[in-house]
Protein backbone atom coordinates (compact mmCIF):
# COMPACT_ATOMS: atom_id res chain seq x y z
CA GLN A 1 0.00 0.00 0.00
CA VAL A 2 1.38 3.37 -1.04
CA GLN A 3 1.07 5.89 1.73
CA LEU A 4 2.68 8.60 3.80
CA VAL A 5 2.21 8.37 7.54
CA GLU A 6 2.90 11.26 9.90
CA SER A 7 3.47 10.80 13.62
CA GLY A 8 4.82 12.66 16.60
CA GLY A 9 2.10 15.23 17.12
CA ASP A 10 1.13 15.94 20.71
CA LEU A 11 0.01 18.51 23.24
CA VAL A 12 2.97 20.57 24.40
CA GLN A 13 3.46 23.73 26.43
CA PRO A 14 4.75 26.95 24.85
CA GLY A 15 8.52 26.81 24.58
CA GLY A 16 8.50 23.04 24.26
CA SER A 17 9.73 20.79 21.46
CA LEU A 18 8.37 18.05 19.26
CA ARG A 19 9.78 15.92 16.48
CA LEU A 20 7.41 14.95 13.71
CA SER A 21 8.07 11.99 11.45
CA CYS A 22 6.87 11.31 7.93
CA THR A 23 7.40 7.73 6.78
CA ALA A 24 6.66 6.46 3.30
CA SER A 25 5.54 2.92 2.64
CA GLY A 26 5.12 1.31 -0.73
CA PHE A 27 7.39 3.82 -2.44
CA THR A 28 10.72 5.53 -1.92
CA LEU A 29 11.22 9.15 -0.95
CA ASP A 30 14.45 9.20 -2.95
CA TYR A 31 14.58 11.69 -5.82
CA LYS A 32 11.59 13.55 -4.45
CA ILE A 33 11.23 16.69 -2.46
CA VAL A 34 9.37 16.28 0.82
CA ALA A 35 7.62 19.14 2.55
CA TRP A 36 5.70 19.80 5.70
CA PHE A 37 2.52 21.82 5.57
CA ARG A 38 0.16 22.77 8.37
CA GLN A 39 -3.41 23.87 8.73
CA PRO A 40 -4.25 25.90 11.84
CA PRO A 41 -7.83 25.75 13.13
CA GLY A 42 -10.11 27.79 10.90
CA LYS A 43 -7.30 28.83 8.58
CA ALA A 44 -5.90 27.81 5.23
CA ARG A 45 -3.14 25.27 4.81
CA GLU A 46 0.34 26.78 4.68
CA GLY A 47 3.81 25.55 3.88
CA VAL A 48 6.36 25.13 6.65
CA SER A 49 9.52 23.51 5.36
CA CYS A 50 10.89 21.48 2.48
CA VAL A 51 13.90 19.23 1.86
CA SER A 52 15.28 18.14 -1.48
CA ASN A 53 16.81 14.76 -2.30
CA SER A 54 20.27 16.29 -1.94
CA GLY A 55 19.43 17.70 1.47
CA ASP A 56 18.86 21.34 0.54
CA THR A 57 16.26 22.85 2.82
CA SER A 58 13.88 25.78 2.82
CA TYR A 59 11.67 27.27 5.51
CA VAL A 60 8.95 29.85 5.74
CA LYS A 61 9.79 32.86 7.84
CA SER A 62 7.82 31.69 10.89
CA ALA A 63 9.78 28.42 11.00
CA LYS A 64 13.30 29.72 10.44
CA GLY A 65 15.54 29.34 13.45
CA ARG A 66 13.06 27.16 15.31
CA PHE A 67 12.30 24.22 13.02
CA THR A 68 14.73 21.83 11.34
CA ILE A 69 13.81 19.45 8.55
CA SER A 70 15.95 16.40 7.83
CA ARG A 71 15.69 13.12 6.00
CA ASP A 72 16.89 9.62 6.81
CA LYS A 73 17.07 7.75 3.53
CA ALA A 74 17.73 4.41 5.18
CA LYS A 75 14.46 4.75 7.10
CA ASN A 76 12.60 6.34 4.17
CA THR A 77 11.57 9.03 6.63
CA VAL A 78 11.63 12.80 6.88
CA PHE A 79 11.65 14.55 10.23
CA LEU A 80 10.61 17.98 11.41
CA GLN A 81 12.25 19.02 14.67
CA MET A 82 10.25 21.84 16.18
CA ASN A 83 11.72 23.86 19.04
CA SER A 84 10.54 26.93 20.93
CA LEU A 85 6.97 26.11 20.03
CA LYS A 86 4.39 28.87 20.17
CA VAL A 87 0.63 28.80 20.56
CA GLU A 88 0.36 29.90 16.93
CA ASP A 89 2.12 26.70 15.84
CA THR A 90 -1.02 24.78 16.76
CA ALA A 91 -2.19 23.00 13.62
CA LEU A 92 -2.69 19.74 11.82
CA TYR A 93 0.69 19.00 10.23
CA TYR A 94 0.91 17.16 6.92
CA CYS A 95 3.81 15.86 4.91
CA ALA A 96 3.73 15.73 1.14
CA THR A 97 5.99 14.68 -1.71
CA SER A 98 6.62 15.96 -5.20
CA PRO A 99 8.75 14.58 -8.02
CA ARG A 100 10.31 18.03 -8.51
CA PRO A 101 14.07 18.05 -7.89
CA TRP A 102 14.23 21.31 -5.90
CA CYS A 103 12.11 22.95 -3.25
CA ASP A 104 12.36 26.46 -4.78
CA ASN A 105 9.06 28.18 -3.98
CA THR A 106 7.04 24.99 -3.67
CA LEU A 107 6.06 25.84 -0.08
CA TYR A 108 3.82 28.49 -1.66
CA ASN A 109 2.43 26.14 -4.32
CA SER A 110 0.98 23.03 -2.69
CA GLY A 111 -0.46 21.96 -6.04
CA VAL A 112 2.90 20.51 -7.10
CA PHE A 113 2.73 17.92 -4.33
CA ASN A 114 0.96 14.75 -5.42
CA SER A 115 1.16 12.53 -2.33
CA TRP A 116 -0.12 13.58 1.06
CA GLY A 117 -0.37 12.01 4.47
CA GLN A 118 -3.36 12.18 6.79
CA GLY A 119 -1.75 14.57 9.23
CA THR A 120 -0.68 14.65 12.86
CA GLN A 121 -2.08 17.13 15.37
CA VAL A 122 0.21 19.54 17.17
CA THR A 123 -1.35 21.55 19.98
CA VAL A 124 0.66 24.16 21.84
CA SER A 125 -1.11 25.32 24.95
CA ALA A 126 -0.39 26.20 28.56
């Protein structure tokens, strides 16, 4: 079965950390870009971070300096380490893949991603 599965979401206090995982089954993440998107309650989905097959990364402004995306090819998994979490980071987090070779501005164009996971909930609250 071809699918992306996210995990690692949880309830955490402001200032805390979480590591999200995105694992592919039934296909390889090699030669694809993998991105994290999120959808806050009542708001539109937005891009967070992207990693290319070669390891180049990109982040939206709100994630820079706090979030780190990485990939483990042996595990066919991409991670999103989130530190210094804020209440406004509360959202359903999705991972997605695209056959494009580079992230470029894909965080602002979710239409180029053709495989999506079901999401993992991150709630930041005191």
